């Protein structure tokens, strides 16, 4: 257990009075959530590399060696779908999805801005819930089908849909709760400006 805490930095939480037990618990939850997001980012990177390598290899074999990789299109499609849906949750975390402001936020009352932001997060939660519920049904329905080239269950292709919905709901709930998830630190880590051990703690960017 001590080794587990050391790996995730849970043993470095600051000491707090007995009445403030929620602070270390909150920090522990945020550390786990941020580690989860880092794993998603690294997984997305691997998927991009995988798509490029498979497509390049297939083109080379088809036009140079007069052969091809039979399963290439199915695997590339699988990686592409998973990459897109994984990016949904990451986009919600960093608020990277396209938004349209009909009015300047500076010209609207503060309480109205907060109300609209809250409504946005509620809509994200509802969409995530739809993806979770109906995505799970879709996976269950398609697991009995087999993809022709790879012979894998077709449900693998859609397995990421409920997963992405759950991630979106989690991010929206964190936004509503006002928890500082240290987005700026994650940006610096992903750009190489910050080491992994220094990732947690800091300011929200």
N, C-alpha and C. Protein backbone atom coordinates (compact mmCIF):
# COMPACT_ATOMS: atom_id res chain seq x y z
N UNK A 1 0.83 -1.21 0.00
CA UNK A 1 0.00 0.00 0.00
C UNK A 1 0.86 1.25 0.00
N UNK A 2 1.96 1.20 0.78
CA UNK A 2 2.85 2.36 0.84
C UNK A 2 3.49 2.61 -0.51
N UNK A 3 3.84 1.52 -1.23
CA UNK A 3 4.43 1.66 -2.55
C UNK A 3 3.44 2.28 -3.52
N UNK A 4 2.17 1.84 -3.43
CA UNK A 4 1.12 2.40 -4.29
C UNK A 4 0.98 3.90 -4.06
N UNK A 5 0.96 4.30 -2.80
CA UNK A 5 0.83 5.72 -2.46
C UNK A 5 2.04 6.50 -2.96
N UNK A 6 3.23 5.88 -2.90
CA UNK A 6 4.42 6.59 -3.35
C UNK A 6 4.42 6.81 -4.84
N UNK A 7 3.92 5.82 -5.61
CA UNK A 7 3.88 5.94 -7.07
C UNK A 7 3.00 7.10 -7.49
N UNK A 8 1.84 7.24 -6.88
CA UNK A 8 0.89 8.27 -7.28
C UNK A 8 1.05 9.56 -6.48
N UNK A 9 2.04 9.60 -5.61
CA UNK A 9 2.28 10.82 -4.86
C UNK A 9 1.31 11.06 -3.74
N UNK A 10 0.57 10.02 -3.33
CA UNK A 10 -0.43 10.20 -2.29
C UNK A 10 0.21 10.34 -0.91
N UNK A 11 1.51 9.93 -0.82
CA UNK A 11 2.18 10.02 0.46
C UNK A 11 2.72 11.41 0.74
N UNK A 12 2.60 12.32 -0.27
CA UNK A 12 3.14 13.66 -0.12
C UNK A 12 2.07 14.70 0.17
N UNK A 13 0.87 14.25 0.47
CA UNK A 13 -0.21 15.18 0.76
C UNK A 13 0.11 15.96 2.03
N UNK A 14 -0.18 17.25 2.06
CA UNK A 14 0.12 18.04 3.24
C UNK A 14 -0.75 17.64 4.42
N UNK A 15 -0.16 17.73 5.60
CA UNK A 15 -0.91 17.42 6.82
C UNK A 15 -1.94 18.52 7.08
N UNK A 16 -3.13 18.12 7.45
CA UNK A 16 -4.21 19.08 7.72
C UNK A 16 -4.86 18.72 9.03
N UNK A 17 -5.54 19.66 9.66
CA UNK A 17 -6.24 19.36 10.90
C UNK A 17 -7.28 18.28 10.69
N UNK A 18 -7.67 17.64 11.80
CA UNK A 18 -8.60 16.52 11.71
C UNK A 18 -9.92 16.92 11.09
N UNK A 19 -10.33 18.15 11.30
CA UNK A 19 -11.62 18.59 10.77
C UNK A 19 -11.61 18.82 9.28
N UNK A 20 -10.40 18.87 8.65
CA UNK A 20 -10.30 19.16 7.22
C UNK A 20 -9.97 17.90 6.43
N UNK A 21 -10.58 16.78 6.80
CA UNK A 21 -10.28 15.49 6.17
C UNK A 21 -10.62 15.48 4.70
N UNK A 22 -11.52 16.39 4.24
CA UNK A 22 -11.90 16.39 2.84
C UNK A 22 -10.79 16.86 1.93
N UNK A 23 -9.85 17.68 2.43
CA UNK A 23 -8.78 18.19 1.58
C UNK A 23 -7.88 17.09 1.05
N UNK A 24 -7.30 16.24 1.91
CA UNK A 24 -6.47 15.15 1.37
C UNK A 24 -7.27 14.18 0.52
N UNK A 25 -8.53 13.96 0.86
CA UNK A 25 -9.36 13.07 0.04
C UNK A 25 -9.56 13.67 -1.34
N UNK A 26 -9.82 14.97 -1.39
CA UNK A 26 -10.01 15.64 -2.66
C UNK A 26 -8.73 15.59 -3.49
N UNK A 27 -7.59 15.83 -2.85
CA UNK A 27 -6.32 15.79 -3.56
C UNK A 27 -6.05 14.39 -4.10
N UNK A 28 -6.37 13.38 -3.32
CA UNK A 28 -6.15 12.01 -3.77
C UNK A 28 -7.01 11.69 -4.99
N UNK A 29 -8.26 12.14 -4.95
CA UNK A 29 -9.16 11.91 -6.08
C UNK A 29 -8.65 12.62 -7.32
N UNK A 30 -8.18 13.86 -7.16
CA UNK A 30 -7.69 14.62 -8.30
C UNK A 30 -6.43 14.00 -8.88
N UNK A 31 -5.57 13.47 -8.03
CA UNK A 31 -4.37 12.81 -8.52
C UNK A 31 -4.73 11.60 -9.38
N UNK A 32 -5.68 10.82 -8.92
CA UNK A 32 -6.09 9.64 -9.68
C UNK A 32 -6.75 10.05 -10.99
N UNK A 33 -7.60 11.08 -10.95
CA UNK A 33 -8.28 11.54 -12.16
C UNK A 33 -7.28 12.08 -13.17
N UNK A 34 -6.30 12.86 -12.71
CA UNK A 34 -5.31 13.41 -13.62
C UNK A 34 -4.42 12.31 -14.19
N UNK A 35 -4.09 11.32 -13.38
CA UNK A 35 -3.33 10.19 -13.90
C UNK A 35 -4.13 9.47 -14.98
N UNK A 36 -5.43 9.34 -14.75
CA UNK A 36 -6.32 8.73 -15.74
C UNK A 36 -6.30 9.51 -17.05
N UNK A 37 -6.30 10.84 -16.95
CA UNK A 37 -6.28 11.66 -18.16
C UNK A 37 -4.94 11.55 -18.89
N UNK A 38 -3.86 11.47 -18.14
CA UNK A 38 -2.56 11.31 -18.76
C UNK A 38 -2.51 9.99 -19.54
N UNK A 39 -3.04 8.94 -18.95
CA UNK A 39 -3.08 7.65 -19.63
C UNK A 39 -3.91 7.74 -20.91
N UNK A 40 -5.01 8.49 -20.87
CA UNK A 40 -5.84 8.66 -22.07
C UNK A 40 -5.07 9.41 -23.16
N UNK A 41 -4.34 10.45 -22.76
CA UNK A 41 -3.56 11.21 -23.74
C UNK A 41 -2.50 10.33 -24.38
N UNK A 42 -1.79 9.56 -23.55
CA UNK A 42 -0.75 8.68 -24.09
C UNK A 42 -1.36 7.61 -24.97
N UNK A 43 -2.54 7.10 -24.59
CA UNK A 43 -3.22 6.12 -25.42
C UNK A 43 -3.62 6.71 -26.77
N UNK A 44 -4.09 7.95 -26.74
CA UNK A 44 -4.46 8.63 -27.99
C UNK A 44 -3.24 8.81 -28.89
N UNK A 45 -2.11 9.12 -28.30
CA UNK A 45 -0.87 9.25 -29.09
C UNK A 45 -0.52 7.93 -29.77
N UNK A 46 -0.61 6.84 -29.02
CA UNK A 46 -0.30 5.53 -29.58
C UNK A 46 -1.25 5.18 -30.71
N UNK A 47 -2.52 5.60 -30.58
CA UNK A 47 -3.49 5.31 -31.63
C UNK A 47 -3.16 6.07 -32.91
N UNK A 48 -2.73 7.32 -32.77
CA UNK A 48 -2.34 8.08 -33.95
C UNK A 48 -1.14 7.43 -34.64
N UNK A 49 -0.15 7.06 -33.85
CA UNK A 49 1.03 6.40 -34.40
C UNK A 49 0.64 5.09 -35.08
N UNK A 50 -0.24 4.33 -34.41
CA UNK A 50 -0.69 3.07 -34.99
C UNK A 50 -1.39 3.26 -36.32
N UNK A 51 -2.27 4.28 -36.41
CA UNK A 51 -2.97 4.54 -37.67
C UNK A 51 -1.99 4.90 -38.78
N UNK A 52 -1.02 5.75 -38.48
CA UNK A 52 -0.04 6.17 -39.49
C UNK A 52 0.78 4.99 -39.96
N UNK A 53 1.27 4.19 -39.03
CA UNK A 53 2.12 3.04 -39.38
C UNK A 53 1.36 2.03 -40.22
N UNK A 54 0.13 1.70 -39.82
CA UNK A 54 -0.65 0.70 -40.54
C UNK A 54 -1.01 1.18 -41.94
N UNK A 55 -1.44 2.43 -42.07
CA UNK A 55 -1.80 2.97 -43.38
C UNK A 55 -0.57 3.02 -44.29
N UNK A 56 0.56 3.48 -43.77
CA UNK A 56 1.78 3.55 -44.57
C UNK A 56 2.21 2.16 -45.01
N UNK A 57 2.19 1.21 -44.08
CA UNK A 57 2.59 -0.16 -44.42
C UNK A 57 1.68 -0.76 -45.47
N UNK A 58 0.39 -0.51 -45.34
CA UNK A 58 -0.57 -1.06 -46.29
C UNK A 58 -0.38 -0.47 -47.68
N UNK A 59 -0.17 0.84 -47.75
CA UNK A 59 0.05 1.50 -49.05
C UNK A 59 1.34 0.99 -49.68
N UNK A 60 2.40 0.87 -48.88
CA UNK A 60 3.68 0.39 -49.40
C UNK A 60 3.56 -1.03 -49.95
N UNK A 61 2.89 -1.89 -49.18
CA UNK A 61 2.76 -3.27 -49.62
C UNK A 61 1.86 -3.39 -50.85
N UNK A 62 0.84 -2.53 -50.92
CA UNK A 62 -0.10 -2.63 -52.04
C UNK A 62 0.52 -2.15 -53.34
N UNK A 63 1.26 -1.03 -53.31
CA UNK A 63 1.75 -0.44 -54.55
C UNK A 63 3.20 -0.82 -54.86
N UNK A 64 3.92 -1.36 -53.91
CA UNK A 64 5.30 -1.76 -54.15
C UNK A 64 5.43 -3.28 -54.22
N UNK A 65 4.78 -3.96 -53.29
CA UNK A 65 4.90 -5.41 -53.22
C UNK A 65 3.70 -6.14 -53.83
N UNK A 66 2.74 -5.36 -54.35
CA UNK A 66 1.55 -5.94 -54.97
C UNK A 66 0.78 -6.88 -54.03
N UNK A 67 0.76 -6.52 -52.78
CA UNK A 67 -0.02 -7.26 -51.80
C UNK A 67 -0.65 -6.25 -50.86
N UNK A 68 -1.14 -6.67 -49.73
CA UNK A 68 -1.74 -5.73 -48.80
C UNK A 68 -2.02 -6.40 -47.46
N UNK A 69 -2.47 -5.59 -46.53
CA UNK A 69 -2.82 -6.10 -45.20
C UNK A 69 -4.34 -6.18 -45.14
N UNK A 70 -4.87 -7.37 -45.05
CA UNK A 70 -6.31 -7.57 -45.14
C UNK A 70 -7.06 -6.86 -44.01
N UNK A 71 -6.46 -6.82 -42.82
CA UNK A 71 -7.17 -6.29 -41.66
C UNK A 71 -6.88 -4.80 -41.42
N UNK A 72 -6.12 -4.18 -42.31
CA UNK A 72 -5.67 -2.81 -42.05
C UNK A 72 -6.82 -1.82 -41.92
N UNK A 73 -7.80 -1.89 -42.82
CA UNK A 73 -8.89 -0.91 -42.80
C UNK A 73 -9.72 -1.05 -41.53
N UNK A 74 -9.97 -2.26 -41.11
CA UNK A 74 -10.78 -2.46 -39.90
C UNK A 74 -10.04 -1.94 -38.66
N UNK A 75 -8.76 -2.24 -38.56
CA UNK A 75 -8.00 -1.80 -37.39
C UNK A 75 -7.84 -0.29 -37.38
N UNK A 76 -7.57 0.30 -38.54
CA UNK A 76 -7.45 1.76 -38.61
C UNK A 76 -8.77 2.43 -38.25
N UNK A 77 -9.89 1.87 -38.73
CA UNK A 77 -11.20 2.41 -38.38
C UNK A 77 -11.43 2.32 -36.88
N UNK A 78 -11.06 1.18 -36.29
CA UNK A 78 -11.21 1.00 -34.84
C UNK A 78 -10.39 2.04 -34.08
N UNK A 79 -9.13 2.23 -34.48
CA UNK A 79 -8.27 3.20 -33.80
C UNK A 79 -8.80 4.62 -33.97
N UNK A 80 -9.32 4.92 -35.17
CA UNK A 80 -9.85 6.26 -35.44
C UNK A 80 -11.07 6.56 -34.57
N UNK A 81 -11.99 5.60 -34.48
CA UNK A 81 -13.20 5.79 -33.67
C UNK A 81 -12.83 5.96 -32.20
N UNK A 82 -11.94 5.11 -31.71
CA UNK A 82 -11.53 5.21 -30.32
C UNK A 82 -10.82 6.52 -30.04
N UNK A 83 -9.98 6.97 -30.97
CA UNK A 83 -9.27 8.24 -30.80
C UNK A 83 -10.25 9.40 -30.70
N UNK A 84 -11.24 9.42 -31.56
CA UNK A 84 -12.21 10.52 -31.58
C UNK A 84 -13.00 10.58 -30.28
N UNK A 85 -13.50 9.44 -29.83
CA UNK A 85 -14.35 9.45 -28.63
C UNK A 85 -13.53 9.67 -27.36
N UNK A 86 -12.30 9.19 -27.34
CA UNK A 86 -11.44 9.50 -26.19
C UNK A 86 -11.19 11.00 -26.11
N UNK A 87 -11.06 11.63 -27.29
CA UNK A 87 -10.81 13.07 -27.33
C UNK A 87 -12.00 13.87 -26.81
N UNK A 88 -13.21 13.31 -26.88
CA UNK A 88 -14.38 14.01 -26.37
C UNK A 88 -14.18 14.40 -24.91
N UNK A 89 -13.84 13.39 -24.10
CA UNK A 89 -13.66 13.66 -22.68
C UNK A 89 -12.53 14.61 -22.39
N UNK A 90 -11.41 14.46 -23.11
CA UNK A 90 -10.28 15.36 -22.92
C UNK A 90 -10.64 16.79 -23.33
N UNK A 91 -11.46 16.91 -24.38
CA UNK A 91 -11.90 18.24 -24.81
C UNK A 91 -12.79 18.90 -23.79
N UNK A 92 -13.64 18.11 -23.12
CA UNK A 92 -14.49 18.66 -22.07
C UNK A 92 -13.63 19.15 -20.91
N UNK A 93 -12.62 18.40 -20.56
CA UNK A 93 -11.74 18.78 -19.45
C UNK A 93 -11.09 20.14 -19.71
N UNK A 94 -10.55 20.31 -20.93
CA UNK A 94 -9.83 21.53 -21.25
C UNK A 94 -10.72 22.59 -21.89
N UNK A 95 -12.01 22.29 -22.02
CA UNK A 95 -12.97 23.20 -22.68
C UNK A 95 -12.48 23.58 -24.08
N UNK A 96 -12.14 22.57 -24.86
CA UNK A 96 -11.60 22.78 -26.20
C UNK A 96 -12.65 22.66 -27.30
N UNK A 97 -13.85 22.23 -26.95
CA UNK A 97 -14.89 22.08 -27.97
C UNK A 97 -15.37 23.45 -28.44
N UNK A 98 -15.84 23.48 -29.67
CA UNK A 98 -16.26 24.74 -30.29
C UNK A 98 -17.46 25.31 -29.53
N UNK A 99 -17.39 26.58 -29.22
CA UNK A 99 -18.50 27.28 -28.58
C UNK A 99 -18.81 28.55 -29.37
N UNK A 100 -20.05 28.96 -29.32
CA UNK A 100 -20.48 30.18 -30.01
C UNK A 100 -21.12 31.10 -28.99
N UNK A 101 -20.56 32.28 -28.83
CA UNK A 101 -21.10 33.29 -27.92
C UNK A 101 -21.90 34.30 -28.71
N UNK A 102 -23.20 34.34 -28.48
CA UNK A 102 -24.04 35.32 -29.16
C UNK A 102 -23.86 36.70 -28.58
N UNK A 103 -23.46 36.76 -27.31
CA UNK A 103 -23.21 38.03 -26.64
C UNK A 103 -21.85 37.96 -25.95
N UNK A 104 -21.20 39.13 -25.82
CA UNK A 104 -19.92 39.18 -25.12
C UNK A 104 -20.15 38.89 -23.63
N UNK A 105 -19.32 37.98 -23.10
CA UNK A 105 -19.46 37.61 -21.69
C UNK A 105 -19.26 38.83 -20.79
N UNK A 106 -18.41 39.76 -21.23
CA UNK A 106 -18.14 40.94 -20.39
C UNK A 106 -19.36 41.84 -20.26
N UNK A 107 -20.28 41.74 -21.22
CA UNK A 107 -21.45 42.61 -21.20
C UNK A 107 -22.65 41.97 -20.51
N UNK A 108 -22.48 40.76 -20.02
CA UNK A 108 -23.56 40.04 -19.36
C UNK A 108 -23.28 40.00 -17.86
N UNK A 109 -24.33 40.07 -17.09
CA UNK A 109 -24.18 40.02 -15.64
C UNK A 109 -23.47 38.74 -15.20
N UNK A 110 -22.69 38.84 -14.14
CA UNK A 110 -21.93 37.69 -13.66
C UNK A 110 -22.79 36.49 -13.34
N UNK A 111 -23.92 36.74 -12.68
CA UNK A 111 -24.79 35.61 -12.31
C UNK A 111 -25.35 34.91 -13.54
N UNK A 112 -25.58 35.68 -14.62
CA UNK A 112 -26.11 35.07 -15.84
C UNK A 112 -25.03 34.23 -16.53
N UNK A 113 -23.79 34.71 -16.50
CA UNK A 113 -22.69 33.92 -17.05
C UNK A 113 -22.57 32.59 -16.31
N UNK A 114 -22.66 32.65 -14.99
CA UNK A 114 -22.56 31.42 -14.19
C UNK A 114 -23.73 30.48 -14.49
N UNK A 115 -24.91 31.07 -14.67
CA UNK A 115 -26.08 30.25 -14.96
C UNK A 115 -25.95 29.56 -16.32
N UNK A 116 -25.43 30.29 -17.31
CA UNK A 116 -25.24 29.71 -18.64
C UNK A 116 -24.15 28.64 -18.62
N UNK A 117 -23.08 28.89 -17.86
CA UNK A 117 -22.03 27.88 -17.72
C UNK A 117 -22.58 26.61 -17.06
N UNK A 118 -23.41 26.82 -16.04
CA UNK A 118 -24.02 25.67 -15.35
C UNK A 118 -24.92 24.90 -16.31
N UNK A 119 -25.70 25.63 -17.13
CA UNK A 119 -26.57 24.98 -18.10
C UNK A 119 -25.76 24.19 -19.11
N UNK A 120 -24.61 24.74 -19.51
CA UNK A 120 -23.74 24.03 -20.45
C UNK A 120 -23.28 22.71 -19.88
N UNK A 121 -22.87 22.74 -18.61
CA UNK A 121 -22.39 21.50 -17.99
C UNK A 121 -23.52 20.49 -17.84
N UNK A 122 -24.73 20.97 -17.55
CA UNK A 122 -25.88 20.06 -17.44
C UNK A 122 -26.15 19.39 -18.78
N UNK A 123 -26.05 20.16 -19.86
CA UNK A 123 -26.26 19.59 -21.20
C UNK A 123 -25.20 18.53 -21.50
N UNK A 124 -23.95 18.82 -21.11
CA UNK A 124 -22.87 17.84 -21.32
C UNK A 124 -23.16 16.56 -20.55
N UNK A 125 -23.63 16.71 -19.31
CA UNK A 125 -23.97 15.54 -18.50
C UNK A 125 -25.09 14.72 -19.16
N UNK A 126 -26.09 15.41 -19.69
CA UNK A 126 -27.19 14.71 -20.35
C UNK A 126 -26.70 13.97 -21.60
N UNK A 127 -25.86 14.62 -22.39
CA UNK A 127 -25.32 13.97 -23.58
C UNK A 127 -24.46 12.78 -23.19
N UNK A 128 -23.64 12.97 -22.15
CA UNK A 128 -22.83 11.86 -21.67
C UNK A 128 -23.67 10.71 -21.18
N UNK A 129 -24.79 11.03 -20.52
CA UNK A 129 -25.69 9.98 -20.05
C UNK A 129 -26.31 9.21 -21.19
N UNK A 130 -26.70 9.92 -22.25
CA UNK A 130 -27.25 9.26 -23.44
C UNK A 130 -26.21 8.32 -24.06
N UNK A 131 -24.96 8.81 -24.15
CA UNK A 131 -23.90 7.99 -24.71
C UNK A 131 -23.64 6.76 -23.84
N UNK A 132 -23.71 6.94 -22.54
CA UNK A 132 -23.46 5.83 -21.62
C UNK A 132 -24.54 4.77 -21.73
N UNK A 133 -25.80 5.20 -21.70
CA UNK A 133 -26.92 4.26 -21.70
C UNK A 133 -27.08 3.57 -23.05
N UNK A 134 -27.23 4.39 -24.10
CA UNK A 134 -27.48 3.81 -25.41
C UNK A 134 -26.21 3.21 -26.02
N UNK A 135 -25.05 3.75 -25.64
CA UNK A 135 -23.80 3.15 -26.09
C UNK A 135 -23.62 1.76 -25.52
N UNK A 136 -23.99 1.58 -24.26
CA UNK A 136 -23.91 0.25 -23.65
C UNK A 136 -24.84 -0.73 -24.35
N UNK A 137 -26.04 -0.26 -24.71
CA UNK A 137 -26.98 -1.13 -25.44
C UNK A 137 -26.43 -1.49 -26.81
N UNK A 138 -25.80 -0.51 -27.46
CA UNK A 138 -25.22 -0.76 -28.79
C UNK A 138 -24.09 -1.79 -28.71
N UNK A 139 -23.26 -1.67 -27.68
CA UNK A 139 -22.18 -2.64 -27.50
C UNK A 139 -22.73 -4.04 -27.29
N UNK A 140 -23.72 -4.13 -26.42
CA UNK A 140 -24.33 -5.44 -26.14
C UNK A 140 -24.94 -6.04 -27.39
N UNK A 141 -25.56 -5.19 -28.21
CA UNK A 141 -26.24 -5.67 -29.42
C UNK A 141 -25.24 -6.14 -30.48
N UNK A 142 -24.11 -5.45 -30.60
CA UNK A 142 -23.15 -5.73 -31.67
C UNK A 142 -22.05 -6.72 -31.27
N UNK A 143 -22.00 -7.11 -30.01
CA UNK A 143 -20.97 -8.06 -29.59
C UNK A 143 -21.15 -9.44 -30.25
N UNK A 144 -22.34 -9.73 -30.73
CA UNK A 144 -22.57 -11.01 -31.37
C UNK A 144 -22.18 -10.99 -32.85
N UNK A 145 -21.92 -9.80 -33.39
CA UNK A 145 -21.49 -9.68 -34.79
C UNK A 145 -19.97 -9.77 -34.86
N UNK A 146 -19.46 -10.25 -35.96
CA UNK A 146 -18.03 -10.44 -36.14
C UNK A 146 -17.55 -9.61 -37.32
N UNK A 147 -16.47 -8.86 -37.13
CA UNK A 147 -15.88 -8.11 -38.23
C UNK A 147 -15.18 -9.10 -39.17
N UNK A 148 -15.38 -8.95 -40.49
CA UNK A 148 -14.95 -9.98 -41.44
C UNK A 148 -13.45 -10.22 -41.51
N UNK A 149 -12.64 -9.18 -41.43
CA UNK A 149 -11.20 -9.34 -41.62
C UNK A 149 -10.48 -9.79 -40.35
N UNK A 150 -10.72 -9.08 -39.26
CA UNK A 150 -10.03 -9.40 -38.02
C UNK A 150 -10.70 -10.51 -37.23
N UNK A 151 -11.97 -10.76 -37.51
CA UNK A 151 -12.77 -11.75 -36.78
C UNK A 151 -12.99 -11.32 -35.33
N UNK A 152 -12.86 -10.04 -35.07
CA UNK A 152 -13.12 -9.51 -33.73
C UNK A 152 -14.60 -9.19 -33.59
N UNK A 153 -15.13 -9.21 -32.36
CA UNK A 153 -16.52 -8.79 -32.15
C UNK A 153 -16.70 -7.32 -32.54
N UNK A 154 -17.76 -7.04 -33.27
CA UNK A 154 -18.00 -5.67 -33.72
C UNK A 154 -18.24 -4.72 -32.56
N UNK A 155 -18.65 -5.26 -31.42
CA UNK A 155 -18.90 -4.41 -30.26
C UNK A 155 -17.67 -3.69 -29.76
N UNK A 156 -16.47 -4.21 -30.09
CA UNK A 156 -15.23 -3.54 -29.67
C UNK A 156 -15.16 -2.14 -30.27
N UNK A 157 -15.70 -2.01 -31.48
CA UNK A 157 -15.67 -0.71 -32.16
C UNK A 157 -16.47 0.34 -31.40
N UNK A 158 -17.56 -0.09 -30.74
CA UNK A 158 -18.45 0.85 -30.05
C UNK A 158 -18.25 0.86 -28.54
N UNK A 159 -17.33 0.07 -28.06
CA UNK A 159 -17.10 -0.01 -26.62
C UNK A 159 -16.66 1.32 -26.04
N UNK A 160 -16.05 2.14 -26.86
CA UNK A 160 -15.54 3.43 -26.38
C UNK A 160 -16.66 4.45 -26.19
N UNK A 161 -17.83 4.22 -26.78
CA UNK A 161 -18.92 5.21 -26.70
C UNK A 161 -19.41 5.39 -25.25
N UNK A 162 -19.79 4.33 -24.53
CA UNK A 162 -20.19 4.53 -23.13
C UNK A 162 -19.03 5.00 -22.26
N UNK A 163 -17.82 4.56 -22.60
CA UNK A 163 -16.64 5.01 -21.86
C UNK A 163 -16.46 6.52 -22.00
N UNK A 164 -16.60 7.04 -23.22
CA UNK A 164 -16.48 8.47 -23.46
C UNK A 164 -17.61 9.23 -22.76
N UNK A 165 -18.81 8.67 -22.78
CA UNK A 165 -19.92 9.33 -22.09
C UNK A 165 -19.66 9.46 -20.61
N UNK A 166 -19.13 8.41 -20.01
CA UNK A 166 -18.81 8.46 -18.58
C UNK A 166 -17.73 9.49 -18.29
N UNK A 167 -16.72 9.57 -19.16
CA UNK A 167 -15.66 10.56 -18.98
C UNK A 167 -16.21 11.98 -19.09
N UNK A 168 -17.07 12.22 -20.05
CA UNK A 168 -17.67 13.54 -20.22
C UNK A 168 -18.49 13.93 -19.00
N UNK A 169 -19.26 13.01 -18.46
CA UNK A 169 -20.06 13.29 -17.27
C UNK A 169 -19.16 13.62 -16.09
N UNK A 170 -18.08 12.89 -15.93
CA UNK A 170 -17.14 13.13 -14.84
C UNK A 170 -16.55 14.53 -14.93
N UNK A 171 -16.13 14.92 -16.13
CA UNK A 171 -15.52 16.24 -16.30
C UNK A 171 -16.53 17.36 -16.03
N UNK A 172 -17.75 17.18 -16.51
CA UNK A 172 -18.77 18.20 -16.29
C UNK A 172 -19.09 18.34 -14.80
N UNK A 173 -19.14 17.22 -14.10
CA UNK A 173 -19.40 17.26 -12.65
C UNK A 173 -18.28 17.98 -11.92
N UNK A 174 -17.03 17.74 -12.33
CA UNK A 174 -15.89 18.43 -11.72
C UNK A 174 -15.97 19.93 -11.97
N UNK A 175 -16.40 20.31 -13.17
CA UNK A 175 -16.56 21.74 -13.47
C UNK A 175 -17.63 22.37 -12.59
N UNK A 176 -18.75 21.68 -12.42
CA UNK A 176 -19.83 22.20 -11.59
C UNK A 176 -19.38 22.32 -10.14
N UNK A 177 -18.63 21.32 -9.68
CA UNK A 177 -18.14 21.34 -8.30
C UNK A 177 -17.07 22.41 -8.09
N UNK A 178 -16.50 22.91 -9.18
CA UNK A 178 -15.47 23.95 -9.07
C UNK A 178 -14.12 23.43 -8.61
N UNK A 179 -13.86 22.14 -8.83
CA UNK A 179 -12.59 21.56 -8.41
C UNK A 179 -11.48 21.98 -9.36
N UNK A 180 -10.37 22.41 -8.81
CA UNK A 180 -9.20 22.80 -9.59
C UNK A 180 -8.47 21.53 -10.03
N UNK A 181 -8.52 21.22 -11.32
CA UNK A 181 -7.90 19.99 -11.83
C UNK A 181 -6.53 20.23 -12.45
N UNK A 182 -5.96 21.40 -12.22
CA UNK A 182 -4.57 21.69 -12.60
C UNK A 182 -4.34 21.50 -14.11
N UNK A 183 -5.22 22.08 -14.91
CA UNK A 183 -5.09 21.94 -16.36
C UNK A 183 -3.79 22.53 -16.88
N UNK A 184 -3.35 23.65 -16.29
CA UNK A 184 -2.13 24.28 -16.76
C UNK A 184 -0.93 23.37 -16.53
N UNK A 185 -0.90 22.70 -15.39
CA UNK A 185 0.19 21.78 -15.11
C UNK A 185 0.21 20.62 -16.10
N UNK A 186 -0.96 20.13 -16.46
CA UNK A 186 -1.03 19.05 -17.43
C UNK A 186 -0.55 19.51 -18.79
N UNK A 187 -0.91 20.73 -19.18
CA UNK A 187 -0.43 21.28 -20.45
C UNK A 187 1.09 21.37 -20.46
N UNK A 188 1.67 21.83 -19.35
CA UNK A 188 3.12 21.94 -19.27
C UNK A 188 3.78 20.57 -19.30
N UNK A 189 3.16 19.59 -18.67
CA UNK A 189 3.71 18.23 -18.70
C UNK A 189 3.68 17.66 -20.12
N UNK A 190 2.56 17.83 -20.80
CA UNK A 190 2.42 17.27 -22.13
C UNK A 190 3.32 17.98 -23.14
N UNK A 191 3.67 19.24 -22.86
CA UNK A 191 4.57 19.97 -23.76
C UNK A 191 6.03 19.77 -23.39
N UNK A 192 6.30 19.00 -22.34
CA UNK A 192 7.66 18.71 -21.94
C UNK A 192 8.27 19.71 -20.98
N UNK A 193 7.49 20.68 -20.51
CA UNK A 193 8.01 21.72 -19.62
C UNK A 193 7.96 21.31 -18.16
N UNK A 194 7.27 20.25 -17.84
CA UNK A 194 7.13 19.82 -16.46
C UNK A 194 7.31 18.32 -16.37
N UNK A 195 7.97 17.84 -15.33
CA UNK A 195 8.17 16.42 -15.13
C UNK A 195 6.92 15.79 -14.52
N UNK A 196 6.81 14.49 -14.68
CA UNK A 196 5.63 13.79 -14.17
C UNK A 196 5.51 13.93 -12.66
N UNK A 197 6.62 13.84 -11.96
CA UNK A 197 6.57 13.91 -10.50
C UNK A 197 6.14 15.28 -10.00
N UNK A 198 6.26 16.32 -10.85
CA UNK A 198 5.87 17.68 -10.46
C UNK A 198 4.51 18.07 -10.99
N UNK A 199 3.78 17.09 -11.53
CA UNK A 199 2.55 17.41 -12.24
C UNK A 199 1.45 17.93 -11.34
N UNK A 200 1.24 17.30 -10.19
CA UNK A 200 0.05 17.58 -9.39
C UNK A 200 0.28 18.74 -8.44
N UNK A 201 -0.73 19.59 -8.38
CA UNK A 201 -0.66 20.79 -7.56
C UNK A 201 -0.35 21.97 -8.43
N UNK A 202 -0.97 23.10 -8.16
CA UNK A 202 -0.72 24.29 -8.95
C UNK A 202 -1.99 25.07 -9.19
N UNK A 203 -2.05 25.72 -10.33
CA UNK A 203 -3.19 26.58 -10.63
C UNK A 203 -3.93 26.07 -11.82
N UNK A 204 -5.19 26.40 -11.86
CA UNK A 204 -6.05 26.01 -12.97
C UNK A 204 -5.84 26.98 -14.12
N UNK A 205 -5.57 26.40 -15.29
CA UNK A 205 -5.31 27.25 -16.44
C UNK A 205 -6.46 27.30 -17.40
